[in-house]
Amino acid sequence: MYEHHDTVLHSVREGVLIVAADGRLMLANDEARRLLELPRTSRDGSSRNCRASIRG
């Protein structure tokens, strides 16, 4: 079931972000990563703070 959701999430044309209550970026689909120039993963594998990653 999760594989299906992952496929759908990454195939939509809109950028989708899921952010935890504490500001950690939990998930960004491919389009969001492209639009916001986010790296695929952080260097150390830890979650990145969304406020620090996205500059307005």
N, C-alpha and C. Protein backbone atom coordinates (compact mmCIF):
# COMPACT_ATOMS: atom_id res chain seq x y z
N MET A 1 0.82 -1.20 0.00
CA MET A 1 0.00 0.00 0.00
C MET A 1 0.86 1.26 0.00
N TYR A 2 1.91 1.29 0.85
CA TYR A 2 2.77 2.47 0.90
C TYR A 2 3.51 2.69 -0.41
N GLU A 3 3.84 1.61 -1.09
CA GLU A 3 4.53 1.74 -2.38
C GLU A 3 3.63 2.47 -3.38
N HIS A 4 2.35 2.17 -3.37
CA HIS A 4 1.40 2.85 -4.25
C HIS A 4 1.33 4.34 -3.91
N HIS A 5 1.24 4.68 -2.63
CA HIS A 5 1.19 6.09 -2.23
C HIS A 5 2.46 6.81 -2.63
N ASP A 6 3.60 6.16 -2.48
CA ASP A 6 4.87 6.76 -2.85
C ASP A 6 4.91 7.03 -4.36
N THR A 7 4.43 6.10 -5.15
CA THR A 7 4.39 6.27 -6.60
C THR A 7 3.50 7.44 -6.98
N VAL A 8 2.33 7.53 -6.38
CA VAL A 8 1.41 8.64 -6.67
C VAL A 8 2.02 9.96 -6.25
N LEU A 9 2.58 10.02 -5.05
CA LEU A 9 3.17 11.26 -4.53
C LEU A 9 4.25 11.79 -5.45
N HIS A 10 5.09 10.93 -5.96
CA HIS A 10 6.20 11.37 -6.79
C HIS A 10 5.82 11.58 -8.25
N SER A 11 4.60 11.20 -8.63
CA SER A 11 4.18 11.38 -10.02
C SER A 11 3.32 12.63 -10.22
N VAL A 12 2.84 13.25 -9.14
CA VAL A 12 2.02 14.45 -9.31
C VAL A 12 2.88 15.62 -9.76
N ARG A 13 2.28 16.54 -10.47
CA ARG A 13 3.02 17.67 -11.02
C ARG A 13 3.26 18.77 -10.00
N GLU A 14 2.46 18.80 -8.95
CA GLU A 14 2.61 19.83 -7.93
C GLU A 14 3.67 19.41 -6.92
N GLY A 15 4.32 20.41 -6.36
CA GLY A 15 5.27 20.14 -5.29
C GLY A 15 4.52 19.88 -4.00
N VAL A 16 4.90 18.82 -3.30
CA VAL A 16 4.25 18.45 -2.05
C VAL A 16 5.30 18.34 -0.96
N LEU A 17 5.06 19.05 0.16
CA LEU A 17 5.93 18.97 1.33
C LEU A 17 5.11 18.46 2.51
N ILE A 18 5.73 17.65 3.33
CA ILE A 18 5.14 17.26 4.60
C ILE A 18 6.12 17.73 5.66
N VAL A 19 5.61 18.60 6.54
CA VAL A 19 6.46 19.23 7.56
C VAL A 19 5.92 18.86 8.94
N ALA A 20 6.80 18.43 9.83
CA ALA A 20 6.42 18.10 11.21
C ALA A 20 6.11 19.37 11.98
N ALA A 21 5.42 19.24 13.08
CA ALA A 21 5.03 20.38 13.91
C ALA A 21 6.24 21.19 14.38
N ASP A 22 7.38 20.53 14.52
CA ASP A 22 8.58 21.23 14.99
C ASP A 22 9.39 21.85 13.84
N GLY A 23 8.85 21.78 12.62
CA GLY A 23 9.51 22.42 11.48
C GLY A 23 10.41 21.51 10.67
N ARG A 24 10.56 20.25 11.08
CA ARG A 24 11.40 19.32 10.32
C ARG A 24 10.70 18.93 9.03
N LEU A 25 11.44 18.97 7.95
CA LEU A 25 10.92 18.53 6.66
C LEU A 25 10.93 17.02 6.65
N MET A 26 9.74 16.44 6.62
CA MET A 26 9.61 14.99 6.69
C MET A 26 9.64 14.36 5.31
N LEU A 27 9.07 15.04 4.32
CA LEU A 27 9.01 14.49 2.98
C LEU A 27 8.83 15.61 1.97
N ALA A 28 9.51 15.49 0.86
CA ALA A 28 9.32 16.40 -0.28
C ALA A 28 9.30 15.53 -1.53
N ASN A 29 8.28 15.71 -2.35
CA ASN A 29 8.26 14.90 -3.57
C ASN A 29 9.24 15.49 -4.59
N ASP A 30 9.37 14.80 -5.72
CA ASP A 30 10.38 15.19 -6.71
C ASP A 30 10.19 16.62 -7.21
N GLU A 31 8.95 17.03 -7.46
CA GLU A 31 8.70 18.38 -7.97
C GLU A 31 9.03 19.44 -6.92
N ALA A 32 8.71 19.20 -5.67
CA ALA A 32 9.05 20.14 -4.60
C ALA A 32 10.57 20.28 -4.49
N ARG A 33 11.26 19.16 -4.56
CA ARG A 33 12.73 19.20 -4.50
C ARG A 33 13.30 20.00 -5.67
N ARG A 34 12.73 19.83 -6.85
CA ARG A 34 13.21 20.56 -8.02
C ARG A 34 12.93 22.05 -7.86
N LEU A 35 11.70 22.40 -7.51
CA LEU A 35 11.32 23.81 -7.40
C LEU A 35 12.10 24.54 -6.30
N LEU A 36 12.33 23.87 -5.19
CA LEU A 36 12.98 24.50 -4.04
C LEU A 36 14.48 24.23 -3.98
N GLU A 37 14.97 23.51 -5.01
CA GLU A 37 16.39 23.17 -5.10
C GLU A 37 16.87 22.48 -3.83
N LEU A 38 16.07 21.53 -3.35
CA LEU A 38 16.43 20.76 -2.17
C LEU A 38 17.28 19.56 -2.58
N PRO A 39 18.26 19.22 -1.78
CA PRO A 39 19.05 18.02 -2.10
C PRO A 39 18.21 16.76 -1.89
N ARG A 40 18.60 15.69 -2.51
CA ARG A 40 17.91 14.41 -2.35
C ARG A 40 17.89 13.98 -0.89
N THR A 41 19.03 14.03 -0.23
CA THR A 41 19.13 13.71 1.20
C THR A 41 20.16 14.64 1.81
N SER A 42 20.09 14.82 3.11
CA SER A 42 21.12 15.61 3.77
C SER A 42 22.40 14.80 3.84
N ARG A 43 23.51 15.46 4.00
CA ARG A 43 24.80 14.77 4.00
C ARG A 43 24.90 13.72 5.10
N ASP A 44 24.39 14.06 6.28
CA ASP A 44 24.51 13.13 7.40
C ASP A 44 23.29 12.24 7.57
N GLY A 45 22.31 12.37 6.68
CA GLY A 45 21.13 11.53 6.74
C GLY A 45 20.09 11.99 7.74
N SER A 46 20.35 13.08 8.44
CA SER A 46 19.39 13.55 9.44
C SER A 46 18.31 14.40 8.78
N SER A 47 17.21 14.59 9.50
CA SER A 47 16.14 15.46 9.00
C SER A 47 16.63 16.90 9.01
N ARG A 48 16.22 17.65 8.03
CA ARG A 48 16.60 19.05 7.96
C ARG A 48 15.45 19.90 8.46
N ASN A 49 15.77 21.03 9.03
CA ASN A 49 14.73 21.94 9.49
C ASN A 49 14.20 22.70 8.29
N CYS A 50 12.89 22.65 8.10
CA CYS A 50 12.26 23.26 6.93
C CYS A 50 12.51 24.76 6.89
N ARG A 51 12.47 25.42 8.02
CA ARG A 51 12.69 26.87 8.07
C ARG A 51 14.10 27.22 7.58
N ALA A 52 15.05 26.36 7.83
CA ALA A 52 16.43 26.61 7.40
C ALA A 52 16.62 26.21 5.93
N SER A 53 15.81 25.28 5.45
CA SER A 53 16.00 24.76 4.09
C SER A 53 15.31 25.62 3.04
N ILE A 54 14.20 26.25 3.41
CA ILE A 54 13.41 27.00 2.44
C ILE A 54 13.51 28.48 2.76
N ARG A 55 14.04 29.21 1.84
CA ARG A 55 14.20 30.65 2.05
C ARG A 55 13.20 31.37 1.16
N GLY A 56 12.46 32.32 1.76
CA GLY A 56 11.40 33.02 1.03
C GLY A 56 11.83 34.32 0.45
